[in-house]
Amino acid sequence: MRLKKAKKKSKNPGLSTPLATIVVMRLYIAAGAPNSVKAVANLAAICKQHLQDSFKLEVIDVLEFPLRALADGILVTPSLAKVAPSPGAKIVGDLSDRSGVLSALGIKE
């Protein structure tokens, strides 16, 4: 027996609900380093306020995975790489410049 999901009726028939854009990011850190700790906290606050559940974040400790960082072109930590949606962007530092980070991620304040 197959079960069918009930469809919600739309208030505006013919208009589809836009898909949420997922922001995919990679944060390269040196675990325990003060700037890396600040970057993690600053990015968490930005994601909580502006992205809610519309992001995917991979945190890479360059001390554990140095070859991965080099292969990705990361020479300085902390560094944030926006992978998707295009265009990509890279931000270096503790991510305390909130407006700069939002701009790089393509988020309007």
PDB file of N, CA and C in Angstrom:
ATOM      1  N   MET A   1       0.830  -1.160   0.000  1.00  0.00           N
ATOM      2  CA  MET A   1       0.000   0.000   0.000  1.00  0.00           C
ATOM      3  C   MET A   1       0.886   1.238   0.000  1.00  0.00           C
ATOM      4  N   ARG A   2       0.587   2.223  -0.858  1.00  0.00           N
ATOM      5  CA  ARG A   2       1.358   3.456  -0.933  1.00  0.00           C
ATOM      6  C   ARG A   2       0.597   4.579  -0.264  1.00  0.00           C
ATOM      7  N   LEU A   3       1.303   5.322   0.543  1.00  0.00           N
ATOM      8  CA  LEU A   3       0.687   6.468   1.196  1.00  0.00           C
ATOM      9  C   LEU A   3       1.050   7.722   0.426  1.00  0.00           C
ATOM     10  N   LYS A   4       0.098   8.608   0.277  1.00  0.00           N
ATOM     11  CA  LYS A   4       0.353   9.881  -0.396  1.00  0.00           C
ATOM     12  C   LYS A   4       0.324  10.981   0.635  1.00  0.00           C
ATOM     13  N   LYS A   5       1.266  11.922   0.487  1.00  0.00           N
ATOM     14  CA  LYS A   5       1.286  13.073   1.371  1.00  0.00           C
ATOM     15  C   LYS A   5       0.203  14.046   0.942  1.00  0.00           C
ATOM     16  N   ALA A   6      -0.484  14.582   1.901  1.00  0.00           N
ATOM     17  CA  ALA A   6      -1.490  15.598   1.584  1.00  0.00           C
ATOM     18  C   ALA A   6      -0.773  16.881   1.206  1.00  0.00           C
ATOM     19  N   LYS A   7      -1.250  17.525   0.169  1.00  0.00           N
ATOM     20  CA  LYS A   7      -0.653  18.783  -0.279  1.00  0.00           C
ATOM     21  C   LYS A   7      -1.360  19.941   0.388  1.00  0.00           C
ATOM     22  N   LYS A   8      -0.553  20.920   0.809  1.00  0.00           N
ATOM     23  CA  LYS A   8      -1.128  22.132   1.364  1.00  0.00           C
ATOM     24  C   LYS A   8      -1.698  22.957   0.230  1.00  0.00           C
ATOM     25  N   LYS A   9      -2.858  23.504   0.468  1.00  0.00           N
ATOM     26  CA  LYS A   9      -3.440  24.371  -0.546  1.00  0.00           C
ATOM     27  C   LYS A   9      -2.779  25.732  -0.452  1.00  0.00           C
ATOM     28  N   SER A  10      -2.391  26.268  -1.591  1.00  0.00           N
ATOM     29  CA  SER A  10      -1.745  27.565  -1.649  1.00  0.00           C
ATOM     30  C   SER A  10      -2.792  28.665  -1.696  1.00  0.00           C
ATOM     31  N   LYS A  11      -2.501  29.775  -1.029  1.00  0.00           N
ATOM     32  CA  LYS A  11      -3.389  30.927  -1.082  1.00  0.00           C
ATOM     33  C   LYS A  11      -3.370  31.556  -2.465  1.00  0.00           C
ATOM     34  N   ASN A  12      -2.252  31.407  -3.154  1.00  0.00           N
ATOM     35  CA  ASN A  12      -2.089  31.953  -4.498  1.00  0.00           C
ATOM     36  C   ASN A  12      -1.858  30.808  -5.467  1.00  0.00           C
ATOM     37  N   PRO A  13      -2.919  30.201  -5.988  1.00  0.00           N
ATOM     38  CA  PRO A  13      -2.703  29.085  -6.900  1.00  0.00           C
ATOM     39  C   PRO A  13      -1.901  29.528  -8.117  1.00  0.00           C
ATOM     40  N   GLY A  14      -1.030  28.645  -8.556  1.00  0.00           N
ATOM     41  CA  GLY A  14      -0.211  28.960  -9.730  1.00  0.00           C
ATOM     42  C   GLY A  14       1.139  29.539  -9.357  1.00  0.00           C
ATOM     43  N   LEU A  15       1.274  30.047  -8.138  1.00  0.00           N
ATOM     44  CA  LEU A  15       2.559  30.580  -7.696  1.00  0.00           C
ATOM     45  C   LEU A  15       3.237  29.534  -6.843  1.00  0.00           C
ATOM     46  N   SER A  16       4.429  29.178  -7.200  1.00  0.00           N
ATOM     47  CA  SER A  16       5.144  28.181  -6.404  1.00  0.00           C
ATOM     48  C   SER A  16       5.962  28.876  -5.335  1.00  0.00           C
ATOM     49  N   THR A  17       6.222  28.180  -4.248  1.00  0.00           N
ATOM     50  CA  THR A  17       7.034  28.715  -3.175  1.00  0.00           C
ATOM     51  C   THR A  17       8.495  28.695  -3.613  1.00  0.00           C
ATOM     52  N   PRO A  18       9.205  29.838  -3.482  1.00  0.00           N
ATOM     53  CA  PRO A  18      10.608  29.848  -3.902  1.00  0.00           C
ATOM     54  C   PRO A  18      11.444  28.958  -2.992  1.00  0.00           C
ATOM     55  N   LEU A  19      12.399  28.267  -3.586  1.00  0.00           N
ATOM     56  CA  LEU A  19      13.289  27.414  -2.810  1.00  0.00           C
ATOM     57  C   LEU A  19      14.276  28.279  -2.048  1.00  0.00           C
ATOM     58  N   ALA A  20      14.557  27.913  -0.821  1.00  0.00           N
ATOM     59  CA  ALA A  20      15.527  28.650  -0.019  1.00  0.00           C
ATOM     60  C   ALA A  20      16.922  28.392  -0.573  1.00  0.00           C
ATOM     61  N   THR A  21      17.708  29.445  -0.664  1.00  0.00           N
ATOM     62  CA  THR A  21      19.079  29.311  -1.127  1.00  0.00           C
ATOM     63  C   THR A  21      19.943  28.905   0.053  1.00  0.00           C
ATOM     64  N   ILE A  22      20.683  27.848  -0.103  1.00  0.00           N
ATOM     65  CA  ILE A  22      21.591  27.366   0.935  1.00  0.00           C
ATOM     66  C   ILE A  22      22.971  27.946   0.669  1.00  0.00           C
ATOM     67  N   VAL A  23      23.536  28.624   1.657  1.00  0.00           N
ATOM     68  CA  VAL A  23      24.883  29.168   1.547  1.00  0.00           C
ATOM     69  C   VAL A  23      25.843  28.096   2.068  1.00  0.00           C
ATOM     70  N   VAL A  24      26.768  27.686   1.216  1.00  0.00           N
ATOM     71  CA  VAL A  24      27.746  26.646   1.575  1.00  0.00           C
ATOM     72  C   VAL A  24      29.080  27.336   1.846  1.00  0.00           C
ATOM     73  N   MET A  25      29.629  27.090   3.039  1.00  0.00           N
ATOM     74  CA  MET A  25      30.862  27.755   3.462  1.00  0.00           C
ATOM     75  C   MET A  25      31.845  26.762   4.059  1.00  0.00           C
ATOM     76  N   ARG A  26      33.119  27.145   4.003  1.00  0.00           N
ATOM     77  CA  ARG A  26      34.179  26.389   4.694  1.00  0.00           C
ATOM     78  C   ARG A  26      34.962  27.385   5.537  1.00  0.00           C
ATOM     79  N   LEU A  27      35.113  27.074   6.805  1.00  0.00           N
ATOM     80  CA  LEU A  27      35.896  27.917   7.702  1.00  0.00           C
ATOM     81  C   LEU A  27      37.163  27.165   8.075  1.00  0.00           C
ATOM     82  N   TYR A  28      38.287  27.754   7.713  1.00  0.00           N
ATOM     83  CA  TYR A  28      39.595  27.155   8.002  1.00  0.00           C
ATOM     84  C   TYR A  28      40.134  27.820   9.261  1.00  0.00           C
ATOM     85  N   ILE A  29      40.436  27.007  10.277  1.00  0.00           N
ATOM     86  CA  ILE A  29      40.905  27.533  11.555  1.00  0.00           C
ATOM     87  C   ILE A  29      42.151  26.795  12.008  1.00  0.00           C
ATOM     88  N   ALA A  30      42.838  27.398  12.981  1.00  0.00           N
ATOM     89  CA  ALA A  30      43.897  26.720  13.727  1.00  0.00           C
ATOM     90  C   ALA A  30      43.321  26.572  15.131  1.00  0.00           C
ATOM     91  N   ALA A  31      42.876  25.381  15.470  1.00  0.00           N
ATOM     92  CA  ALA A  31      42.132  25.140  16.710  1.00  0.00           C
ATOM     93  C   ALA A  31      42.829  25.749  17.907  1.00  0.00           C
ATOM     94  N   GLY A  32      42.051  26.464  18.710  1.00  0.00           N
ATOM     95  CA  GLY A  32      42.577  27.050  19.931  1.00  0.00           C
ATOM     96  C   GLY A  32      43.211  28.410  19.754  1.00  0.00           C
ATOM     97  N   ALA A  33      43.553  28.801  18.545  1.00  0.00           N
ATOM     98  CA  ALA A  33      44.147  30.115  18.321  1.00  0.00           C
ATOM     99  C   ALA A  33      43.085  31.186  18.577  1.00  0.00           C
ATOM    100  N   PRO A  34      43.444  32.270  19.253  1.00  0.00           N
ATOM    101  CA  PRO A  34      42.458  33.295  19.619  1.00  0.00           C
ATOM    102  C   PRO A  34      41.636  33.831  18.440  1.00  0.00           C
ATOM    103  N   ASN A  35      42.273  34.115  17.318  1.00  0.00           N
ATOM    104  CA  ASN A  35      41.524  34.631  16.164  1.00  0.00           C
ATOM    105  C   ASN A  35      40.585  33.574  15.579  1.00  0.00           C
ATOM    106  N   SER A  36      40.970  32.327  15.645  1.00  0.00           N
ATOM    107  CA  SER A  36      40.101  31.260  15.159  1.00  0.00           C
ATOM    108  C   SER A  36      38.876  31.104  16.050  1.00  0.00           C
ATOM    109  N   VAL A  37      39.073  31.205  17.352  1.00  0.00           N
ATOM    110  CA  VAL A  37      37.960  31.121  18.296  1.00  0.00           C
ATOM    111  C   VAL A  37      36.991  32.274  18.057  1.00  0.00           C
ATOM    112  N   LYS A  38      37.525  33.485  17.836  1.00  0.00           N
ATOM    113  CA  LYS A  38      36.679  34.651  17.545  1.00  0.00           C
ATOM    114  C   LYS A  38      35.930  34.468  16.232  1.00  0.00           C
ATOM    115  N   ALA A  39      36.611  33.925  15.232  1.00  0.00           N
ATOM    116  CA  ALA A  39      35.978  33.724  13.927  1.00  0.00           C
ATOM    117  C   ALA A  39      34.800  32.766  14.033  1.00  0.00           C
ATOM    118  N   VAL A  40      34.968  31.684  14.791  1.00  0.00           N
ATOM    119  CA  VAL A  40      33.884  30.716  14.977  1.00  0.00           C
ATOM    120  C   VAL A  40      32.697  31.391  15.654  1.00  0.00           C
ATOM    121  N   ALA A  41      32.964  32.169  16.710  1.00  0.00           N
ATOM    122  CA  ALA A  41      31.882  32.852  17.435  1.00  0.00           C
ATOM    123  C   ALA A  41      31.198  33.897  16.560  1.00  0.00           C
ATOM    124  N   ASN A  42      31.984  34.675  15.827  1.00  0.00           N
ATOM    125  CA  ASN A  42      31.400  35.706  14.963  1.00  0.00           C
ATOM    126  C   ASN A  42      30.560  35.094  13.849  1.00  0.00           C
ATOM    127  N   LEU A  43      31.050  34.016  13.245  1.00  0.00           N
ATOM    128  CA  LEU A  43      30.292  33.370  12.171  1.00  0.00           C
ATOM    129  C   LEU A  43      29.012  32.724  12.714  1.00  0.00           C
ATOM    130  N   ALA A  44      29.085  32.159  13.901  1.00  0.00           N
ATOM    131  CA  ALA A  44      27.896  31.566  14.510  1.00  0.00           C
ATOM    132  C   ALA A  44      26.815  32.625  14.725  1.00  0.00           C
ATOM    133  N   ALA A  45      27.215  33.800  15.189  1.00  0.00           N
ATOM    134  CA  ALA A  45      26.259  34.886  15.414  1.00  0.00           C
ATOM    135  C   ALA A  45      25.652  35.368  14.093  1.00  0.00           C
ATOM    136  N   ILE A  46      26.470  35.475  13.064  1.00  0.00           N
ATOM    137  CA  ILE A  46      25.980  35.912  11.750  1.00  0.00           C
ATOM    138  C   ILE A  46      25.005  34.890  11.187  1.00  0.00           C
ATOM    139  N   CYS A  47      25.355  33.623  11.268  1.00  0.00           N
ATOM    140  CA  CYS A  47      24.476  32.563  10.751  1.00  0.00           C
ATOM    141  C   CYS A  47      23.160  32.520  11.507  1.00  0.00           C
ATOM    142  N   LYS A  48      23.221  32.667  12.820  1.00  0.00           N
ATOM    143  CA  LYS A  48      22.004  32.619  13.632  1.00  0.00           C
ATOM    144  C   LYS A  48      21.070  33.770  13.269  1.00  0.00           C
ATOM    145  N   GLN A  49      21.631  34.955  13.076  1.00  0.00           N
ATOM    146  CA  GLN A  49      20.806  36.133  12.809  1.00  0.00           C
ATOM    147  C   GLN A  49      20.328  36.214  11.367  1.00  0.00           C
ATOM    148  N   HIS A  50      21.188  35.856  10.406  1.00  0.00           N
ATOM    149  CA  HIS A  50      20.876  36.120   9.005  1.00  0.00           C
ATOM    150  C   HIS A  50      20.547  34.887   8.169  1.00  0.00           C
ATOM    151  N   LEU A  51      21.040  33.724   8.547  1.00  0.00           N
ATOM    152  CA  LEU A  51      20.864  32.540   7.704  1.00  0.00           C
ATOM    153  C   LEU A  51      19.962  31.470   8.318  1.00  0.00           C
ATOM    154  N   GLN A  52      19.715  31.522   9.622  1.00  0.00           N
ATOM    155  CA  GLN A  52      18.932  30.522  10.339  1.00  0.00           C
ATOM    156  C   GLN A  52      19.335  29.102   9.913  1.00  0.00           C
ATOM    157  N   ASP A  53      18.491  28.421   9.150  1.00  0.00           N
ATOM    158  CA  ASP A  53      18.790  27.050   8.728  1.00  0.00           C
ATOM    159  C   ASP A  53      19.192  26.966   7.260  1.00  0.00           C
ATOM    160  N   SER A  54      19.535  28.094   6.661  1.00  0.00           N
ATOM    161  CA  SER A  54      19.824  28.133   5.223  1.00  0.00           C
ATOM    162  C   SER A  54      21.319  28.146   4.931  1.00  0.00           C
ATOM    163  N   PHE A  55      22.073  27.366   5.678  1.00  0.00           N
ATOM    164  CA  PHE A  55      23.510  27.319   5.423  1.00  0.00           C
ATOM    165  C   PHE A  55      24.060  25.938   5.739  1.00  0.00           C
ATOM    166  N   LYS A  56      25.208  25.672   5.118  1.00  0.00           N
ATOM    167  CA  LYS A  56      25.963  24.457   5.398  1.00  0.00           C
ATOM    168  C   LYS A  56      27.393  24.911   5.656  1.00  0.00           C
ATOM    169  N   LEU A  57      27.937  24.520   6.784  1.00  0.00           N
ATOM    170  CA  LEU A  57      29.268  24.971   7.179  1.00  0.00           C
ATOM    171  C   LEU A  57      30.158  23.776   7.467  1.00  0.00           C
ATOM    172  N   GLU A  58      31.338  23.804   6.883  1.00  0.00           N
ATOM    173  CA  GLU A  58      32.365  22.797   7.167  1.00  0.00           C
ATOM    174  C   GLU A  58      33.527  23.532   7.831  1.00  0.00           C
ATOM    175  N   VAL A  59      33.888  23.120   9.029  1.00  0.00           N
ATOM    176  CA  VAL A  59      35.012  23.719   9.751  1.00  0.00           C
ATOM    177  C   VAL A  59      36.209  22.792   9.599  1.00  0.00           C
ATOM    178  N   ILE A  60      37.303  23.354   9.090  1.00  0.00           N
ATOM    179  CA  ILE A  60      38.500  22.555   8.819  1.00  0.00           C
ATOM    180  C   ILE A  60      39.658  23.084   9.670  1.00  0.00           C
ATOM    181  N   ASP A  61      40.181  22.246  10.528  1.00  0.00           N
ATOM    182  CA  ASP A  61      41.330  22.601  11.356  1.00  0.00           C
ATOM    183  C   ASP A  61      42.592  22.323  10.534  1.00  0.00           C
ATOM    184  N   VAL A  62      43.292  23.382  10.177  1.00  0.00           N
ATOM    185  CA  VAL A  62      44.467  23.219   9.309  1.00  0.00           C
ATOM    186  C   VAL A  62      45.615  22.512  10.017  1.00  0.00           C
ATOM    187  N   LEU A  63      45.569  22.451  11.346  1.00  0.00           N
ATOM    188  CA  LEU A  63      46.599  21.705  12.063  1.00  0.00           C
ATOM    189  C   LEU A  63      46.403  20.204  11.905  1.00  0.00           C
ATOM    190  N   GLU A  64      45.141  19.788  11.741  1.00  0.00           N
ATOM    191  CA  GLU A  64      44.833  18.379  11.510  1.00  0.00           C
ATOM    192  C   GLU A  64      44.909  18.005  10.034  1.00  0.00           C
ATOM    193  N   PHE A  65      44.532  18.944   9.168  1.00  0.00           N
ATOM    194  CA  PHE A  65      44.451  18.672   7.735  1.00  0.00           C
ATOM    195  C   PHE A  65      45.208  19.728   6.925  1.00  0.00           C
ATOM    196  N   PRO A  66      46.525  19.809   7.094  1.00  0.00           N
ATOM    197  CA  PRO A  66      47.291  20.846   6.397  1.00  0.00           C
ATOM    198  C   PRO A  66      47.277  20.691   4.870  1.00  0.00           C
ATOM    199  N   LEU A  67      47.277  19.471   4.386  1.00  0.00           N
ATOM    200  CA  LEU A  67      47.283  19.269   2.932  1.00  0.00           C
ATOM    201  C   LEU A  67      45.956  19.705   2.313  1.00  0.00           C
ATOM    202  N   ARG A  68      44.869  19.512   3.036  1.00  0.00           N
ATOM    203  CA  ARG A  68      43.555  19.956   2.549  1.00  0.00           C
ATOM    204  C   ARG A  68      43.542  21.480   2.406  1.00  0.00           C
ATOM    205  N   ALA A  69      44.081  22.167   3.413  1.00  0.00           N
ATOM    206  CA  ALA A  69      44.132  23.627   3.365  1.00  0.00           C
ATOM    207  C   ALA A  69      44.983  24.102   2.191  1.00  0.00           C
ATOM    208  N   LEU A  70      46.134  23.489   2.007  1.00  0.00           N
ATOM    209  CA  LEU A  70      47.001  23.876   0.889  1.00  0.00           C
ATOM    210  C   LEU A  70      46.342  23.591  -0.453  1.00  0.00           C
ATOM    211  N   ALA A  71      45.681  22.466  -0.570  1.00  0.00           N
ATOM    212  CA  ALA A  71      44.986  22.118  -1.820  1.00  0.00           C
ATOM    213  C   ALA A  71      43.869  23.113  -2.125  1.00  0.00           C
ATOM    214  N   ASP A  72      43.251  23.658  -1.075  1.00  0.00           N
ATOM    215  CA  ASP A  72      42.180  24.634  -1.253  1.00  0.00           C
ATOM    216  C   ASP A  72      42.718  26.061  -1.376  1.00  0.00           C
ATOM    217  N   GLY A  73      44.045  26.216  -1.329  1.00  0.00           N
ATOM    218  CA  GLY A  73      44.657  27.540  -1.493  1.00  0.00           C
ATOM    219  C   GLY A  73      44.605  28.401  -0.245  1.00  0.00           C
ATOM    220  N   ILE A  74      44.517  27.786   0.916  1.00  0.00           N
ATOM    221  CA  ILE A  74      44.442  28.525   2.178  1.00  0.00           C
ATOM    222  C   ILE A  74      45.833  28.582   2.802  1.00  0.00           C
ATOM    223  N   LEU A  75      46.324  29.808   2.998  1.00  0.00           N
ATOM    224  CA  LEU A  75      47.643  29.994   3.588  1.00  0.00           C
ATOM    225  C   LEU A  75      47.578  30.689   4.939  1.00  0.00           C
ATOM    226  N   VAL A  76      46.417  31.307   5.249  1.00  0.00           N
ATOM    227  CA  VAL A  76      46.257  32.086   6.474  1.00  0.00           C
ATOM    228  C   VAL A  76      44.992  31.632   7.188  1.00  0.00           C
ATOM    229  N   THR A  77      45.064  31.567   8.526  1.00  0.00           N
ATOM    230  CA  THR A  77      43.862  31.264   9.303  1.00  0.00           C
ATOM    231  C   THR A  77      43.594  32.410  10.258  1.00  0.00           C
ATOM    232  N   PRO A  78      42.347  32.607  10.614  1.00  0.00           N
ATOM    233  CA  PRO A  78      41.164  31.971  10.064  1.00  0.00           C
ATOM    234  C   PRO A  78      40.824  32.534   8.686  1.00  0.00           C
ATOM    235  N   SER A  79      40.259  31.676   7.842  1.00  0.00           N
ATOM    236  CA  SER A  79      39.786  32.063   6.515  1.00  0.00           C
ATOM    237  C   SER A  79      38.435  31.430   6.277  1.00  0.00           C
ATOM    238  N   LEU A  80      37.530  32.216   5.716  1.00  0.00           N
ATOM    239  CA  LEU A  80      36.204  31.723   5.377  1.00  0.00           C
ATOM    240  C   LEU A  80      36.072  31.715   3.863  1.00  0.00           C
ATOM    241  N   ALA A  81      35.662  30.582   3.318  1.00  0.00           N
ATOM    242  CA  ALA A  81      35.436  30.467   1.876  1.00  0.00           C
ATOM    243  C   ALA A  81      33.956  30.219   1.631  1.00  0.00           C
ATOM    244  N   LYS A  82      33.351  31.087   0.829  1.00  0.00           N
ATOM    245  CA  LYS A  82      31.971  30.860   0.401  1.00  0.00           C
ATOM    246  C   LYS A  82      32.050  30.030  -0.870  1.00  0.00           C
ATOM    247  N   VAL A  83      31.472  28.837  -0.830  1.00  0.00           N
ATOM    248  CA  VAL A  83      31.545  27.899  -1.942  1.00  0.00           C
ATOM    249  C   VAL A  83      30.351  28.058  -2.870  1.00  0.00           C
ATOM    250  N   ALA A  84      29.170  28.248  -2.305  1.00  0.00           N
ATOM    251  CA  ALA A  84      27.954  28.382  -3.107  1.00  0.00           C
ATOM    252  C   ALA A  84      26.976  29.273  -2.357  1.00  0.00           C
ATOM    253  N   PRO A  85      26.103  29.949  -2.998  1.00  0.00           N
ATOM    254  CA  PRO A  85      25.946  30.085  -4.442  1.00  0.00           C
ATOM    255  C   PRO A  85      27.042  30.986  -5.024  1.00  0.00           C
ATOM    256  N   SER A  86      27.169  30.928  -6.329  1.00  0.00           N
ATOM    257  CA  SER A  86      28.172  31.752  -7.020  1.00  0.00           C
ATOM    258  C   SER A  86      27.798  33.210  -6.909  1.00  0.00           C
ATOM    259  N   PRO A  87      28.727  34.116  -6.933  1.00  0.00           N
ATOM    260  CA  PRO A  87      30.174  33.915  -7.012  1.00  0.00           C
ATOM    261  C   PRO A  87      30.750  33.542  -5.649  1.00  0.00           C
ATOM    262  N   GLY A  88      31.835  32.813  -5.689  1.00  0.00           N
ATOM    263  CA  GLY A  88      32.520  32.436  -4.461  1.00  0.00           C
ATOM    264  C   GLY A  88      33.241  33.634  -3.873  1.00  0.00           C
ATOM    265  N   ALA A  89      33.657  33.513  -2.631  1.00  0.00           N
ATOM    266  CA  ALA A  89      34.382  34.596  -1.968  1.00  0.00           C
ATOM    267  C   ALA A  89      35.255  34.009  -0.870  1.00  0.00           C
ATOM    268  N   LYS A  90      36.332  34.717  -0.534  1.00  0.00           N
ATOM    269  CA  LYS A  90      37.191  34.329   0.585  1.00  0.00           C
ATOM    270  C   LYS A  90      37.390  35.541   1.482  1.00  0.00           C
ATOM    271  N   ILE A  91      37.314  35.295   2.775  1.00  0.00           N
ATOM    272  CA  ILE A  91      37.488  36.341   3.769  1.00  0.00           C
ATOM    273  C   ILE A  91      38.528  35.860   4.762  1.00  0.00           C
ATOM    274  N   VAL A  92      39.509  36.689   5.048  1.00  0.00           N
ATOM    275  CA  VAL A  92      40.567  36.340   5.985  1.00  0.00           C
ATOM    276  C   VAL A  92      40.407  37.202   7.236  1.00  0.00           C
ATOM    277  N   GLY A  93      40.558  36.582   8.394  1.00  0.00           N
ATOM    278  CA  GLY A  93      40.493  37.325   9.649  1.00  0.00           C
ATOM    279  C   GLY A  93      39.474  36.724  10.590  1.00  0.00           C
ATOM    280  N   ASP A  94      39.228  37.443  11.696  1.00  0.00           N
ATOM    281  CA  ASP A  94      38.343  36.906  12.735  1.00  0.00           C
ATOM    282  C   ASP A  94      36.861  37.165  12.474  1.00  0.00           C
ATOM    283  N   LEU A  95      36.526  37.680  11.302  1.00  0.00           N
ATOM    284  CA  LEU A  95      35.143  37.905  10.858  1.00  0.00           C
ATOM    285  C   LEU A  95      34.397  38.905  11.731  1.00  0.00           C
ATOM    286  N   SER A  96      35.140  39.827  12.355  1.00  0.00           N
ATOM    287  CA  SER A  96      34.513  40.839  13.197  1.00  0.00           C
ATOM    288  C   SER A  96      33.921  41.985  12.374  1.00  0.00           C
ATOM    289  N   ASP A  97      34.337  42.131  11.126  1.00  0.00           N
ATOM    290  CA  ASP A  97      33.752  43.136  10.228  1.00  0.00           C
ATOM    291  C   ASP A  97      32.468  42.560   9.654  1.00  0.00           C
ATOM    292  N   ARG A  98      31.394  42.680  10.421  1.00  0.00           N
ATOM    293  CA  ARG A  98      30.120  42.030  10.083  1.00  0.00           C
ATOM    294  C   ARG A  98      29.608  42.460   8.708  1.00  0.00           C
ATOM    295  N   SER A  99      29.667  43.746   8.406  1.00  0.00           N
ATOM    296  CA  SER A  99      29.144  44.206   7.111  1.00  0.00           C
ATOM    297  C   SER A  99      29.974  43.655   5.960  1.00  0.00           C
ATOM    298  N   GLY A 100      31.274  43.517   6.149  1.00  0.00           N
ATOM    299  CA  GLY A 100      32.133  42.936   5.120  1.00  0.00           C
ATOM    300  C   GLY A 100      31.831  41.460   4.895  1.00  0.00           C
ATOM    301  N   VAL A 101      31.577  40.733   5.978  1.00  0.00           N
ATOM    302  CA  VAL A 101      31.265  39.322   5.882  1.00  0.00           C
ATOM    303  C   VAL A 101      29.911  39.140   5.181  1.00  0.00           C
ATOM    304  N   LEU A 102      28.915  39.931   5.581  1.00  0.00           N
ATOM    305  CA  LEU A 102      27.599  39.849   4.956  1.00  0.00           C
ATOM    306  C   LEU A 102      27.668  40.163   3.467  1.00  0.00           C
ATOM    307  N   SER A 103      28.451  41.160   3.117  1.00  0.00           N
ATOM    308  CA  SER A 103      28.613  41.531   1.716  1.00  0.00           C
ATOM    309  C   SER A 103      29.261  40.390   0.929  1.00  0.00           C
ATOM    310  N   ALA A 104      30.297  39.789   1.478  1.00  0.00           N
ATOM    311  CA  ALA A 104      30.989  38.686   0.805  1.00  0.00           C
ATOM    312  C   ALA A 104      30.069  37.472   0.641  1.00  0.00           C
ATOM    313  N   LEU A 105      29.185  37.273   1.610  1.00  0.00           N
ATOM    314  CA  LEU A 105      28.257  36.132   1.542  1.00  0.00           C
ATOM    315  C   LEU A 105      27.038  36.442   0.679  1.00  0.00           C
ATOM    316  N   GLY A 106      26.914  37.687   0.238  1.00  0.00           N
ATOM    317  CA  GLY A 106      25.781  38.064  -0.599  1.00  0.00           C
ATOM    318  C   GLY A 106      24.499  38.268   0.187  1.00  0.00           C
ATOM    319  N   ILE A 107      24.637  38.673   1.434  1.00  0.00           N
ATOM    320  CA  ILE A 107      23.477  38.888   2.310  1.00  0.00           C
ATOM    321  C   ILE A 107      23.269  40.381   2.494  1.00  0.00           C
ATOM    322  N   LYS A 108      22.047  40.834   2.267  1.00  0.00           N
ATOM    323  CA  LYS A 108      21.726  42.245   2.478  1.00  0.00           C
ATOM    324  C   LYS A 108      21.348  42.449   3.929  1.00  0.00           C
ATOM    325  N   GLU A 109      21.850  43.538   4.501  1.00  0.00           N
ATOM    326  CA  GLU A 109      21.554  43.824   5.918  1.00  0.00           C
ATOM    327  C   GLU A 109      20.140  44.299   6.094  1.00  0.00           C
TER     328      GLU A 109
END
